[in-house]
């Protein structure tokens, strides 16, 4: 199903670049005071992901928890600094969800535990499922929803697919919901380096990826060729120098095609919500019509396509908050939690009818 939303940001953020910059530079400064709920007291856990890779995460289980949300973040960072993900944790926990957040492969404390590099979903999808299975044994309610944003959204989509592919008994993966997921890295990266905003952003992302590589090199000496890290001066270069060879790909385009989120949408068999902004400045605009077609052809997918929103931010205006009866400006997380609640209610009503 494809829906066009009535989402509206404040007037000064009705531009994808403005919203993206505001979210990255300003919105997170006082995020703790933007929601009426305190952050949960998380337990630190080391999970075992696919191929035995150790994955560092946080777990919080409220009293009388009814289900669990498992989430991660975008292309760079670590849990401590991922305020947008932690904000979701506050909101979800206050509504009775157990919350599992994790540093995905080659990020944060997971990078300290293992030199395993990223695969943009090819293996991270299994990580989501393995983490859910272990969280269930810890006491997290056995109805799991996967989430993420940006590249983390692509990883969560792969997790929804892996939930069916792996078929692990005793674990109920209900579905997932993602915000502005990366869907076509080849098209978007080629586009990004041609725009003024992209020319500003891409080198900075590449610089963070390079720091990531040096961090792994420091914790796992001899695992990477230092000269290769030195040469990795772009996102493409990072994948070319450090990633594709270890994954068995002969070229970066081949890798991007294999890991594409757009290509797996037709294979998703569990309820999936995709929030996507048409003015997202990080992704190629031509992806939008392809996303609409793919979503309309799969009844498991609900696409909430918005005119505004930029990359991930989705800060809403006061009028928009009032219209949606939202408690705060975080429109995207409010829609995701509302959608999950509706899906769970529909399932409960269906079960009770038998």
C-alpha atoms as a PDB file:
ATOM      1  CA  UNK A   1       0.000   0.000   0.000  1.00  0.00           C
ATOM      2  CA  UNK A   2       1.290   3.477  -0.892  1.00  0.00           C
ATOM      3  CA  UNK A   3       0.106   6.463   1.150  1.00  0.00           C
ATOM      4  CA  UNK A   4       0.921  10.124   0.726  1.00  0.00           C
ATOM      5  CA  UNK A   5       1.140  11.700   4.152  1.00  0.00           C
ATOM      6  CA  UNK A   6      -0.069  15.039   5.464  1.00  0.00           C
ATOM      7  CA  UNK A   7       3.224  15.499   7.332  1.00  0.00           C
ATOM      8  CA  UNK A   8       4.387  19.105   7.530  1.00  0.00           C
ATOM      9  CA  UNK A   9       7.545  20.575   9.048  1.00  0.00           C
ATOM     10  CA  UNK A  10       8.027  24.121  10.321  1.00  0.00           C
ATOM     11  CA  UNK A  11       8.116  26.553   7.406  1.00  0.00           C
ATOM     12  CA  UNK A  12      11.883  27.085   7.555  1.00  0.00           C
ATOM     13  CA  UNK A  13      12.486  23.323   7.209  1.00  0.00           C
ATOM     14  CA  UNK A  14      10.432  22.800   4.031  1.00  0.00           C
ATOM     15  CA  UNK A  15      13.601  21.982   2.176  1.00  0.00           C
ATOM     16  CA  UNK A  16      15.440  18.671   2.232  1.00  0.00           C
ATOM     17  CA  UNK A  17      18.889  20.170   2.733  1.00  0.00           C
ATOM     18  CA  UNK A  18      17.670  22.506   5.483  1.00  0.00           C
ATOM     19  CA  UNK A  19      15.928  19.672   7.348  1.00  0.00           C
ATOM     20  CA  UNK A  20      18.929  17.357   7.019  1.00  0.00           C
ATOM     21  CA  UNK A  21      21.370  20.012   8.215  1.00  0.00           C
ATOM     22  CA  UNK A  22      19.103  21.019  11.092  1.00  0.00           C
ATOM     23  CA  UNK A  23      18.732  17.407  12.221  1.00  0.00           C
ATOM     24  CA  UNK A  24      22.476  16.774  12.058  1.00  0.00           C
ATOM     25  CA  UNK A  25      23.635  20.000  13.665  1.00  0.00           C
ATOM     26  CA  UNK A  26      20.880  21.319  15.915  1.00  0.00           C
ATOM     27  CA  UNK A  27      17.964  19.003  16.682  1.00  0.00           C
ATOM     28  CA  UNK A  28      19.919  16.587  18.857  1.00  0.00           C
ATOM     29  CA  UNK A  29      21.501  19.127  21.187  1.00  0.00           C
ATOM     30  CA  UNK A  30      18.758  18.896  23.815  1.00  0.00           C
ATOM     31  CA  UNK A  31      17.015  15.735  22.717  1.00  0.00           C
ATOM     32  CA  UNK A  32      16.598  14.454  26.291  1.00  0.00           C
ATOM     33  CA  UNK A  33      14.292  17.375  27.110  1.00  0.00           C
ATOM     34  CA  UNK A  34      12.280  16.992  23.888  1.00  0.00           C
ATOM     35  CA  UNK A  35      10.447  13.890  25.145  1.00  0.00           C
ATOM     36  CA  UNK A  36       8.565  13.553  28.444  1.00  0.00           C
ATOM     37  CA  UNK A  37      10.136  10.205  29.294  1.00  0.00           C
ATOM     38  CA  UNK A  38      13.568   9.443  30.798  1.00  0.00           C
ATOM     39  CA  UNK A  39      16.004   7.167  29.047  1.00  0.00           C
ATOM     40  CA  UNK A  40      15.776   3.531  30.175  1.00  0.00           C
ATOM     41  CA  UNK A  41      18.521   2.022  32.303  1.00  0.00           C
ATOM     42  CA  UNK A  42      20.143  -0.257  29.735  1.00  0.00           C
ATOM     43  CA  UNK A  43      22.016  -3.468  30.394  1.00  0.00           C
ATOM     44  CA  UNK A  44      25.123  -3.923  28.266  1.00  0.00           C
ATOM     45  CA  UNK A  45      25.149  -7.207  26.387  1.00  0.00           C
ATOM     46  CA  UNK A  46      27.420  -8.955  23.901  1.00  0.00           C
ATOM     47  CA  UNK A  47      25.298 -10.889  21.434  1.00  0.00           C
ATOM     48  CA  UNK A  48      26.504 -13.427  18.897  1.00  0.00           C
ATOM     49  CA  UNK A  49      25.477 -12.476  15.378  1.00  0.00           C
ATOM     50  CA  UNK A  50      25.731 -14.350  12.108  1.00  0.00           C
ATOM     51  CA  UNK A  51      28.959 -16.273  11.482  1.00  0.00           C
ATOM     52  CA  UNK A  52      29.680 -16.024  15.208  1.00  0.00           C
ATOM     53  CA  UNK A  53      30.474 -12.285  15.075  1.00  0.00           C
ATOM     54  CA  UNK A  54      30.184 -10.639  18.525  1.00  0.00           C
ATOM     55  CA  UNK A  55      27.745  -7.704  18.513  1.00  0.00           C
ATOM     56  CA  UNK A  56      27.629  -5.143  21.329  1.00  0.00           C
ATOM     57  CA  UNK A  57      24.223  -3.945  22.416  1.00  0.00           C
ATOM     58  CA  UNK A  58      21.990  -2.407  25.042  1.00  0.00           C
ATOM     59  CA  UNK A  59      18.854  -4.046  26.437  1.00  0.00           C
ATOM     60  CA  UNK A  60      16.068  -2.547  28.562  1.00  0.00           C
ATOM     61  CA  UNK A  61      12.934  -4.469  29.565  1.00  0.00           C
ATOM     62  CA  UNK A  62      10.069  -2.589  31.269  1.00  0.00           C
ATOM     63  CA  UNK A  63       7.646  -4.242  33.656  1.00  0.00           C
ATOM     64  CA  UNK A  64       4.801  -5.974  31.813  1.00  0.00           C
ATOM     65  CA  UNK A  65       6.534  -5.526  28.458  1.00  0.00           C
ATOM     66  CA  UNK A  66       4.329  -6.647  25.580  1.00  0.00           C
ATOM     67  CA  UNK A  67       6.770  -6.808  22.627  1.00  0.00           C
ATOM     68  CA  UNK A  68      10.302  -5.844  21.607  1.00  0.00           C
ATOM     69  CA  UNK A  69      11.895  -3.367  19.224  1.00  0.00           C
ATOM     70  CA  UNK A  70      15.400  -4.072  17.902  1.00  0.00           C
ATOM     71  CA  UNK A  71      17.180  -1.192  16.193  1.00  0.00           C
ATOM     72  CA  UNK A  72      20.414   0.259  14.922  1.00  0.00           C
ATOM     73  CA  UNK A  73      21.632   3.440  13.233  1.00  0.00           C
ATOM     74  CA  UNK A  74      23.125   4.699   9.984  1.00  0.00           C
ATOM     75  CA  UNK A  75      26.423   4.608   8.111  1.00  0.00           C
ATOM     76  CA  UNK A  76      28.695   5.874  10.903  1.00  0.00           C
ATOM     77  CA  UNK A  77      28.650   6.371  14.661  1.00  0.00           C
ATOM     78  CA  UNK A  78      28.209   4.395  17.868  1.00  0.00           C
ATOM     79  CA  UNK A  79      25.435   3.951  20.408  1.00  0.00           C
ATOM     80  CA  UNK A  80      26.628   6.589  22.854  1.00  0.00           C
ATOM     81  CA  UNK A  81      26.328   9.353  20.244  1.00  0.00           C
ATOM     82  CA  UNK A  82      23.250   8.083  18.396  1.00  0.00           C
ATOM     83  CA  UNK A  83      20.713  10.375  20.028  1.00  0.00           C
ATOM     84  CA  UNK A  84      18.023   9.761  17.388  1.00  0.00           C
ATOM     85  CA  UNK A  85      18.035   6.032  18.078  1.00  0.00           C
ATOM     86  CA  UNK A  86      18.184   6.539  21.836  1.00  0.00           C
ATOM     87  CA  UNK A  87      15.251   8.922  21.569  1.00  0.00           C
ATOM     88  CA  UNK A  88      13.231   6.109  20.018  1.00  0.00           C
ATOM     89  CA  UNK A  89      14.277   3.913  22.941  1.00  0.00           C
ATOM     90  CA  UNK A  90      12.815   6.412  25.416  1.00  0.00           C
ATOM     91  CA  UNK A  91       9.514   6.576  23.583  1.00  0.00           C
ATOM     92  CA  UNK A  92       9.206   2.838  22.982  1.00  0.00           C
ATOM     93  CA  UNK A  93      10.152   1.859  26.534  1.00  0.00           C
ATOM     94  CA  UNK A  94       7.553   4.258  27.960  1.00  0.00           C
ATOM     95  CA  UNK A  95       4.915   2.499  25.831  1.00  0.00           C
ATOM     96  CA  UNK A  96       5.761  -0.967  27.153  1.00  0.00           C
ATOM     97  CA  UNK A  97       8.254  -2.190  24.576  1.00  0.00           C
ATOM     98  CA  UNK A  98      11.470  -3.914  25.508  1.00  0.00           C
ATOM     99  CA  UNK A  99      14.240  -2.128  23.619  1.00  0.00           C
ATOM    100  CA  UNK A 100      17.355  -3.658  22.077  1.00  0.00           C
ATOM    101  CA  UNK A 101      19.858  -1.287  20.447  1.00  0.00           C
ATOM    102  CA  UNK A 102      23.156  -2.400  18.963  1.00  0.00           C
ATOM    103  CA  UNK A 103      26.418  -1.265  17.390  1.00  0.00           C
ATOM    104  CA  UNK A 104      26.355  -2.975  14.022  1.00  0.00           C
ATOM    105  CA  UNK A 105      29.383  -4.578  12.413  1.00  0.00           C
ATOM    106  CA  UNK A 106      32.555  -2.447  12.485  1.00  0.00           C
ATOM    107  CA  UNK A 107      30.889   0.241  14.618  1.00  0.00           C
ATOM    108  CA  UNK A 108      31.348   1.358  18.215  1.00  0.00           C
ATOM    109  CA  UNK A 109      32.185  -1.351  20.717  1.00  0.00           C
ATOM    110  CA  UNK A 110      31.381  -4.056  18.177  1.00  0.00           C
ATOM    111  CA  UNK A 111      34.448  -2.869  16.232  1.00  0.00           C
ATOM    112  CA  UNK A 112      36.528  -3.398  19.366  1.00  0.00           C
ATOM    113  CA  UNK A 113      35.240  -6.956  19.680  1.00  0.00           C
ATOM    114  CA  UNK A 114      35.737  -8.034  16.054  1.00  0.00           C
ATOM    115  CA  UNK A 115      37.562  -6.872  12.901  1.00  0.00           C
ATOM    116  CA  UNK A 116      34.598  -8.003  10.765  1.00  0.00           C
ATOM    117  CA  UNK A 117      33.653  -5.240   8.351  1.00  0.00           C
ATOM    118  CA  UNK A 118      30.245  -4.102   7.165  1.00  0.00           C
ATOM    119  CA  UNK A 119      28.253  -5.813   4.419  1.00  0.00           C
ATOM    120  CA  UNK A 120      25.359  -3.329   4.065  1.00  0.00           C
ATOM    121  CA  UNK A 121      22.781  -5.941   5.043  1.00  0.00           C
ATOM    122  CA  UNK A 122      24.053  -9.136   3.443  1.00  0.00           C
ATOM    123  CA  UNK A 123      25.075 -10.463   6.863  1.00  0.00           C
ATOM    124  CA  UNK A 124      23.620  -7.811   9.163  1.00  0.00           C
ATOM    125  CA  UNK A 125      20.139  -9.145   8.389  1.00  0.00           C
ATOM    126  CA  UNK A 126      21.054 -12.375  10.122  1.00  0.00           C
ATOM    127  CA  UNK A 127      22.532 -10.350  12.984  1.00  0.00           C
ATOM    128  CA  UNK A 128      19.100  -8.818  13.623  1.00  0.00           C
ATOM    129  CA  UNK A 129      17.487 -12.255  13.835  1.00  0.00           C
ATOM    130  CA  UNK A 130      20.217 -13.792  16.010  1.00  0.00           C
ATOM    131  CA  UNK A 131      20.060 -10.818  18.372  1.00  0.00           C
ATOM    132  CA  UNK A 132      16.286 -11.189  18.662  1.00  0.00           C
ATOM    133  CA  UNK A 133      16.589 -14.893  19.482  1.00  0.00           C
ATOM    134  CA  UNK A 134      19.098 -14.194  22.257  1.00  0.00           C
ATOM    135  CA  UNK A 135      17.106 -11.230  23.579  1.00  0.00           C
ATOM    136  CA  UNK A 136      14.068 -13.507  23.883  1.00  0.00           C
ATOM    137  CA  UNK A 137      16.085 -15.806  26.131  1.00  0.00           C
ATOM    138  CA  UNK A 138      16.924 -12.773  28.285  1.00  0.00           C
ATOM    139  CA  UNK A 139      13.244 -12.095  28.875  1.00  0.00           C
ATOM    140  CA  UNK A 140      12.355  -9.752  26.018  1.00  0.00           C
ATOM    141  CA  UNK A 141       8.775 -10.488  24.859  1.00  0.00           C
ATOM    142  CA  UNK A 142       8.808 -12.848  21.919  1.00  0.00           C
ATOM    143  CA  UNK A 143       7.217 -10.531  19.364  1.00  0.00           C
ATOM    144  CA  UNK A 144      10.000  -8.604  17.675  1.00  0.00           C
ATOM    145  CA  UNK A 145       9.960  -5.567  15.418  1.00  0.00           C
ATOM    146  CA  UNK A 146      13.086  -4.426  13.565  1.00  0.00           C
ATOM    147  CA  UNK A 147      13.882  -0.779  12.920  1.00  0.00           C
ATOM    148  CA  UNK A 148      16.611   1.520  11.665  1.00  0.00           C
ATOM    149  CA  UNK A 149      17.178   4.648   9.623  1.00  0.00           C
ATOM    150  CA  UNK A 150      19.333   5.573   6.647  1.00  0.00           C
ATOM    151  CA  UNK A 151      21.753   2.681   6.037  1.00  0.00           C
ATOM    152  CA  UNK A 152      20.470   1.143   9.273  1.00  0.00           C
ATOM    153  CA  UNK A 153      17.058   1.079   7.628  1.00  0.00           C
ATOM    154  CA  UNK A 154      18.478  -1.018   4.811  1.00  0.00           C
ATOM    155  CA  UNK A 155      19.966  -3.388   7.389  1.00  0.00           C
ATOM    156  CA  UNK A 156      16.581  -3.737   9.100  1.00  0.00           C
ATOM    157  CA  UNK A 157      14.942  -4.566   5.746  1.00  0.00           C
ATOM    158  CA  UNK A 158      17.495  -7.339   5.307  1.00  0.00           C
ATOM    159  CA  UNK A 159      16.617  -8.460   8.850  1.00  0.00           C
ATOM    160  CA  UNK A 160      12.928  -8.730   7.925  1.00  0.00           C
ATOM    161  CA  UNK A 161      13.915 -10.850   4.929  1.00  0.00           C
ATOM    162  CA  UNK A 162      16.297 -12.989   7.005  1.00  0.00           C
ATOM    163  CA  UNK A 163      13.545 -13.678   9.535  1.00  0.00           C
ATOM    164  CA  UNK A 164      11.812 -15.797   6.899  1.00  0.00           C
ATOM    165  CA  UNK A 165      14.936 -17.144   5.201  1.00  0.00           C
ATOM    166  CA  UNK A 166      16.476 -18.444   8.420  1.00  0.00           C
ATOM    167  CA  UNK A 167      13.261 -19.821   9.865  1.00  0.00           C
ATOM    168  CA  UNK A 168      14.561 -20.023  13.433  1.00  0.00           C
ATOM    169  CA  UNK A 169      11.994 -21.850  15.554  1.00  0.00           C
ATOM    170  CA  UNK A 170      10.671 -20.291  18.721  1.00  0.00           C
ATOM    171  CA  UNK A 171      11.235 -16.683  17.674  1.00  0.00           C
ATOM    172  CA  UNK A 172       8.382 -14.473  16.440  1.00  0.00           C
ATOM    173  CA  UNK A 173       9.643 -11.720  14.139  1.00  0.00           C
ATOM    174  CA  UNK A 174       6.461  -9.693  13.608  1.00  0.00           C
ATOM    175  CA  UNK A 175       7.841  -7.235  11.032  1.00  0.00           C
ATOM    176  CA  UNK A 176       9.657  -3.938  10.860  1.00  0.00           C
ATOM    177  CA  UNK A 177       9.524  -0.204  10.222  1.00  0.00           C
ATOM    178  CA  UNK A 178      12.270   2.002   8.789  1.00  0.00           C
ATOM    179  CA  UNK A 179      12.965   5.688   8.192  1.00  0.00           C
ATOM    180  CA  UNK A 180      14.546   6.905   4.945  1.00  0.00           C
ATOM    181  CA  UNK A 181      16.347   3.624   4.251  1.00  0.00           C
ATOM    182  CA  UNK A 182      19.213   3.455   1.797  1.00  0.00           C
ATOM    183  CA  UNK A 183      17.800   1.495  -1.130  1.00  0.00           C
ATOM    184  CA  UNK A 184      20.167   1.898  -4.071  1.00  0.00           C
ATOM    185  CA  UNK A 185      23.728   2.794  -3.064  1.00  0.00           C
ATOM    186  CA  UNK A 186      25.056   2.881  -6.612  1.00  0.00           C
ATOM    187  CA  UNK A 187      22.532   5.400  -7.883  1.00  0.00           C
ATOM    188  CA  UNK A 188      22.536   7.488  -4.731  1.00  0.00           C
ATOM    189  CA  UNK A 189      26.299   7.697  -4.285  1.00  0.00           C
ATOM    190  CA  UNK A 190      26.789   8.555  -7.956  1.00  0.00           C
ATOM    191  CA  UNK A 191      24.160  11.285  -7.537  1.00  0.00           C
ATOM    192  CA  UNK A 192      25.445  12.533  -4.185  1.00  0.00           C
ATOM    193  CA  UNK A 193      28.886  13.527  -5.435  1.00  0.00           C
ATOM    194  CA  UNK A 194      27.334  15.746  -8.136  1.00  0.00           C
ATOM    195  CA  UNK A 195      25.301  18.023  -5.840  1.00  0.00           C
ATOM    196  CA  UNK A 196      26.656  20.955  -3.798  1.00  0.00           C
ATOM    197  CA  UNK A 197      25.293  19.461  -0.575  1.00  0.00           C
ATOM    198  CA  UNK A 198      26.618  16.032  -1.478  1.00  0.00           C
ATOM    199  CA  UNK A 199      30.065  17.401  -2.240  1.00  0.00           C
ATOM    200  CA  UNK A 200      30.072  18.815   1.285  1.00  0.00           C
ATOM    201  CA  UNK A 201      28.644  15.752   3.041  1.00  0.00           C
ATOM    202  CA  UNK A 202      30.330  12.841   1.239  1.00  0.00           C
ATOM    203  CA  UNK A 203      33.943  13.668   2.246  1.00  0.00           C
ATOM    204  CA  UNK A 204      32.835  14.013   5.860  1.00  0.00           C
ATOM    205  CA  UNK A 205      31.124  10.638   5.860  1.00  0.00           C
ATOM    206  CA  UNK A 206      34.207   9.173   4.182  1.00  0.00           C
ATOM    207  CA  UNK A 207      36.363  10.703   6.894  1.00  0.00           C
ATOM    208  CA  UNK A 208      34.269   9.021   9.587  1.00  0.00           C
ATOM    209  CA  UNK A 209      34.552   5.694   7.764  1.00  0.00           C
ATOM    210  CA  UNK A 210      38.307   6.135   7.656  1.00  0.00           C
ATOM    211  CA  UNK A 211      38.361   6.751  11.416  1.00  0.00           C
ATOM    212  CA  UNK A 212      36.342   3.580  11.803  1.00  0.00           C
ATOM    213  CA  UNK A 213      38.926   1.630   9.812  1.00  0.00           C
ATOM    214  CA  UNK A 214      41.810   3.045  11.852  1.00  0.00           C
ATOM    215  CA  UNK A 215      39.960   2.120  15.057  1.00  0.00           C
ATOM    216  CA  UNK A 216      39.632  -1.483  13.916  1.00  0.00           C
ATOM    217  CA  UNK A 217      43.281  -1.442  12.853  1.00  0.00           C
ATOM    218  CA  UNK A 218      44.232  -0.257  16.355  1.00  0.00           C
ATOM    219  CA  UNK A 219      42.210  -2.948  18.137  1.00  0.00           C
ATOM    220  CA  UNK A 220      43.087  -5.721  15.684  1.00  0.00           C
ATOM    221  CA  UNK A 221      46.678  -5.087  14.530  1.00  0.00           C
ATOM    222  CA  UNK A 222      47.687  -6.633  11.257  1.00  0.00           C
ATOM    223  CA  UNK A 223      44.144  -7.312  10.088  1.00  0.00           C
ATOM    224  CA  UNK A 224      44.132  -4.455   7.562  1.00  0.00           C
ATOM    225  CA  UNK A 225      46.760  -3.055   5.258  1.00  0.00           C
ATOM    226  CA  UNK A 226      47.484   0.454   6.531  1.00  0.00           C
ATOM    227  CA  UNK A 227      48.187   1.600   2.984  1.00  0.00           C
ATOM    228  CA  UNK A 228      44.680   0.521   1.942  1.00  0.00           C
ATOM    229  CA  UNK A 229      43.184   2.564   4.771  1.00  0.00           C
ATOM    230  CA  UNK A 230      45.234   5.557   3.640  1.00  0.00           C
ATOM    231  CA  UNK A 231      43.823   5.203   0.123  1.00  0.00           C
ATOM    232  CA  UNK A 232      40.198   4.994   1.325  1.00  0.00           C
ATOM    233  CA  UNK A 233      39.354   8.670   0.906  1.00  0.00           C
ATOM    234  CA  UNK A 234      35.738   8.339  -0.234  1.00  0.00           C
ATOM    235  CA  UNK A 235      32.740   6.140   0.550  1.00  0.00           C
ATOM    236  CA  UNK A 236      33.354   4.298  -2.714  1.00  0.00           C
ATOM    237  CA  UNK A 237      37.047   4.034  -1.894  1.00  0.00           C
ATOM    238  CA  UNK A 238      36.326   2.598   1.551  1.00  0.00           C
ATOM    239  CA  UNK A 239      34.247  -0.177   0.033  1.00  0.00           C
ATOM    240  CA  UNK A 240      36.714  -0.751  -2.803  1.00  0.00           C
ATOM    241  CA  UNK A 241      39.840  -0.882  -0.654  1.00  0.00           C
ATOM    242  CA  UNK A 242      38.529  -2.650   2.435  1.00  0.00           C
ATOM    243  CA  UNK A 243      35.141  -4.294   1.947  1.00  0.00           C
ATOM    244  CA  UNK A 244      34.430  -5.927  -1.400  1.00  0.00           C
ATOM    245  CA  UNK A 245      37.424  -8.269  -1.506  1.00  0.00           C
ATOM    246  CA  UNK A 246      36.576  -9.747   1.885  1.00  0.00           C
ATOM    247  CA  UNK A 247      33.008 -10.338   0.746  1.00  0.00           C
ATOM    248  CA  UNK A 248      34.012 -11.953  -2.532  1.00  0.00           C
ATOM    249  CA  UNK A 249      32.926  -9.191  -4.918  1.00  0.00           C
ATOM    250  CA  UNK A 250      34.979  -8.093  -7.899  1.00  0.00           C
ATOM    251  CA  UNK A 251      33.719  -4.508  -8.009  1.00  0.00           C
ATOM    252  CA  UNK A 252      31.896  -1.892  -5.956  1.00  0.00           C
ATOM    253  CA  UNK A 253      28.886  -1.800  -8.344  1.00  0.00           C
ATOM    254  CA  UNK A 254      28.524  -5.571  -8.014  1.00  0.00           C
ATOM    255  CA  UNK A 255      28.521  -5.234  -4.215  1.00  0.00           C
ATOM    256  CA  UNK A 256      25.987  -2.397  -4.238  1.00  0.00           C
ATOM    257  CA  UNK A 257      23.690  -4.341  -6.548  1.00  0.00           C
ATOM    258  CA  UNK A 258      23.850  -7.424  -4.308  1.00  0.00           C
ATOM    259  CA  UNK A 259      23.124  -5.485  -1.105  1.00  0.00           C
ATOM    260  CA  UNK A 260      20.465  -3.168  -2.570  1.00  0.00           C
ATOM    261  CA  UNK A 261      17.452  -2.679  -0.339  1.00  0.00           C
ATOM    262  CA  UNK A 262      15.258  -1.911  -3.339  1.00  0.00           C
ATOM    263  CA  UNK A 263      15.950  -5.327  -4.826  1.00  0.00           C
ATOM    264  CA  UNK A 264      14.663  -7.229  -1.788  1.00  0.00           C
ATOM    265  CA  UNK A 265      11.370  -5.370  -1.303  1.00  0.00           C
ATOM    266  CA  UNK A 266       9.477  -7.909  -3.381  1.00  0.00           C
ATOM    267  CA  UNK A 267      10.768 -10.678  -1.105  1.00  0.00           C
ATOM    268  CA  UNK A 268       9.547  -9.235   2.198  1.00  0.00           C
ATOM    269  CA  UNK A 269       6.797 -11.389   3.683  1.00  0.00           C
ATOM    270  CA  UNK A 270       6.233  -9.692   7.030  1.00  0.00           C
ATOM    271  CA  UNK A 271       4.486  -6.359   7.690  1.00  0.00           C
ATOM    272  CA  UNK A 272       6.878  -3.563   6.799  1.00  0.00           C
ATOM    273  CA  UNK A 273       6.489   0.203   7.069  1.00  0.00           C
ATOM    274  CA  UNK A 274       8.769   2.450   5.010  1.00  0.00           C
ATOM    275  CA  UNK A 275       8.832   6.184   5.728  1.00  0.00           C
ATOM    276  CA  UNK A 276      10.485   8.010   2.845  1.00  0.00           C
ATOM    277  CA  UNK A 277      10.863  11.702   2.016  1.00  0.00           C
ATOM    278  CA  UNK A 278      10.789  12.795  -1.617  1.00  0.00           C
ATOM    279  CA  UNK A 279      13.153  15.678  -0.797  1.00  0.00           C
ATOM    280  CA  UNK A 280      15.840  13.499   0.842  1.00  0.00           C
ATOM    281  CA  UNK A 281      19.065  15.108  -0.457  1.00  0.00           C
ATOM    282  CA  UNK A 282      21.237  12.030   0.109  1.00  0.00           C
ATOM    283  CA  UNK A 283      19.367   9.730  -2.259  1.00  0.00           C
ATOM    284  CA  UNK A 284      18.743   9.908  -6.007  1.00  0.00           C
ATOM    285  CA  UNK A 285      15.246  11.344  -6.711  1.00  0.00           C
ATOM    286  CA  UNK A 286      14.630   8.656  -9.344  1.00  0.00           C
ATOM    287  CA  UNK A 287      14.427   6.055  -6.575  1.00  0.00           C
ATOM    288  CA  UNK A 288      11.026   7.414  -5.500  1.00  0.00           C
ATOM    289  CA  UNK A 289       8.982   6.080  -8.453  1.00  0.00           C
ATOM    290  CA  UNK A 290      10.746   2.715  -8.228  1.00  0.00           C
ATOM    291  CA  UNK A 291       9.972   2.555  -4.499  1.00  0.00           C
ATOM    292  CA  UNK A 292       6.315   3.356  -5.165  1.00  0.00           C
ATOM    293  CA  UNK A 293       6.040   0.573  -7.734  1.00  0.00           C
ATOM    294  CA  UNK A 294       7.802  -1.996  -5.554  1.00  0.00           C
ATOM    295  CA  UNK A 295       5.658  -1.124  -2.542  1.00  0.00           C
ATOM    296  CA  UNK A 296       2.400  -1.228  -4.479  1.00  0.00           C
ATOM    297  CA  UNK A 297       3.248  -4.714  -5.719  1.00  0.00           C
ATOM    298  CA  UNK A 298       3.881  -6.172  -2.252  1.00  0.00           C
ATOM    299  CA  UNK A 299       0.884  -6.231   0.133  1.00  0.00           C
ATOM    300  CA  UNK A 300       3.255  -6.674   3.086  1.00  0.00           C
ATOM    301  CA  UNK A 301       4.644  -3.142   2.598  1.00  0.00           C
ATOM    302  CA  UNK A 302       3.071   0.121   3.742  1.00  0.00           C
ATOM    303  CA  UNK A 303       4.873   3.071   2.166  1.00  0.00           C
ATOM    304  CA  UNK A 304       4.385   6.441   3.821  1.00  0.00           C
ATOM    305  CA  UNK A 305       5.769   8.826   1.226  1.00  0.00           C
ATOM    306  CA  UNK A 306       6.110  12.468   2.196  1.00  0.00           C
ATOM    307  CA  UNK A 307       6.831  15.627   0.229  1.00  0.00           C
ATOM    308  CA  UNK A 308       9.103  16.974   2.968  1.00  0.00           C
ATOM    309  CA  UNK A 309      11.244  15.407   5.674  1.00  0.00           C
ATOM    310  CA  UNK A 310      14.809  15.537   4.390  1.00  0.00           C
ATOM    311  CA  UNK A 311      17.090  12.724   5.435  1.00  0.00           C
ATOM    312  CA  UNK A 312      15.658  11.045   8.550  1.00  0.00           C
ATOM    313  CA  UNK A 313      14.793  14.194  10.562  1.00  0.00           C
ATOM    314  CA  UNK A 314      11.045  14.592  10.093  1.00  0.00           C
ATOM    315  CA  UNK A 315      10.745  17.391  12.647  1.00  0.00           C
ATOM    316  CA  UNK A 316       7.073  18.380  12.665  1.00  0.00           C
ATOM    317  CA  UNK A 317       5.405  21.760  13.020  1.00  0.00           C
ATOM    318  CA  UNK A 318       3.164  22.581  15.982  1.00  0.00           C
ATOM    319  CA  UNK A 319       0.125  22.354  13.717  1.00  0.00           C
ATOM    320  CA  UNK A 320       1.232  18.935  12.481  1.00  0.00           C
ATOM    321  CA  UNK A 321       1.736  17.746  16.052  1.00  0.00           C
ATOM    322  CA  UNK A 322      -1.750  18.904  16.963  1.00  0.00           C
ATOM    323  CA  UNK A 323      -3.351  17.256  13.923  1.00  0.00           C
ATOM    324  CA  UNK A 324      -1.675  13.922  14.690  1.00  0.00           C
ATOM    325  CA  UNK A 325      -2.132  14.246  18.467  1.00  0.00           C
ATOM    326  CA  UNK A 326       1.604  13.721  18.879  1.00  0.00           C
ATOM    327  CA  UNK A 327       3.320  14.457  22.192  1.00  0.00           C
ATOM    328  CA  UNK A 328       6.419  15.908  20.525  1.00  0.00           C
ATOM    329  CA  UNK A 329       8.059  16.923  17.237  1.00  0.00           C
ATOM    330  CA  UNK A 330       9.414  13.482  16.341  1.00  0.00           C
ATOM    331  CA  UNK A 331       6.872  12.653  13.647  1.00  0.00           C
ATOM    332  CA  UNK A 332       8.632   9.603  12.170  1.00  0.00           C
ATOM    333  CA  UNK A 333       9.075   7.706  15.444  1.00  0.00           C
ATOM    334  CA  UNK A 334       5.504   8.582  16.423  1.00  0.00           C
ATOM    335  CA  UNK A 335       4.202   7.119  13.165  1.00  0.00           C
ATOM    336  CA  UNK A 336       6.299   3.970  13.574  1.00  0.00           C
ATOM    337  CA  UNK A 337       5.098   3.317  17.118  1.00  0.00           C
ATOM    338  CA  UNK A 338       1.517   4.052  16.083  1.00  0.00           C
ATOM    339  CA  UNK A 339       1.791   1.689  13.109  1.00  0.00           C
ATOM    340  CA  UNK A 340       3.251  -1.136  15.224  1.00  0.00           C
ATOM    341  CA  UNK A 341       0.480  -0.692  17.780  1.00  0.00           C
ATOM    342  CA  UNK A 342      -2.152  -0.881  15.033  1.00  0.00           C
ATOM    343  CA  UNK A 343      -0.587  -4.003  13.529  1.00  0.00           C
ATOM    344  CA  UNK A 344      -0.473  -5.704  16.910  1.00  0.00           C
ATOM    345  CA  UNK A 345      -4.076  -4.744  17.604  1.00  0.00           C
ATOM    346  CA  UNK A 346      -5.165  -6.103  14.224  1.00  0.00           C
ATOM    347  CA  UNK A 347      -3.359  -9.374  14.939  1.00  0.00           C
ATOM    348  CA  UNK A 348      -4.930  -9.677  18.389  1.00  0.00           C
ATOM    349  CA  UNK A 349      -8.412  -9.055  16.952  1.00  0.00           C
ATOM    350  CA  UNK A 350      -7.807 -11.648  14.246  1.00  0.00           C
ATOM    351  CA  UNK A 351      -6.720 -14.247  16.797  1.00  0.00           C
ATOM    352  CA  UNK A 352      -9.687 -13.519  19.093  1.00  0.00           C
ATOM    353  CA  UNK A 353     -12.123 -13.992  16.203  1.00  0.00           C
ATOM    354  CA  UNK A 354     -11.251 -17.686  15.943  1.00  0.00           C
END
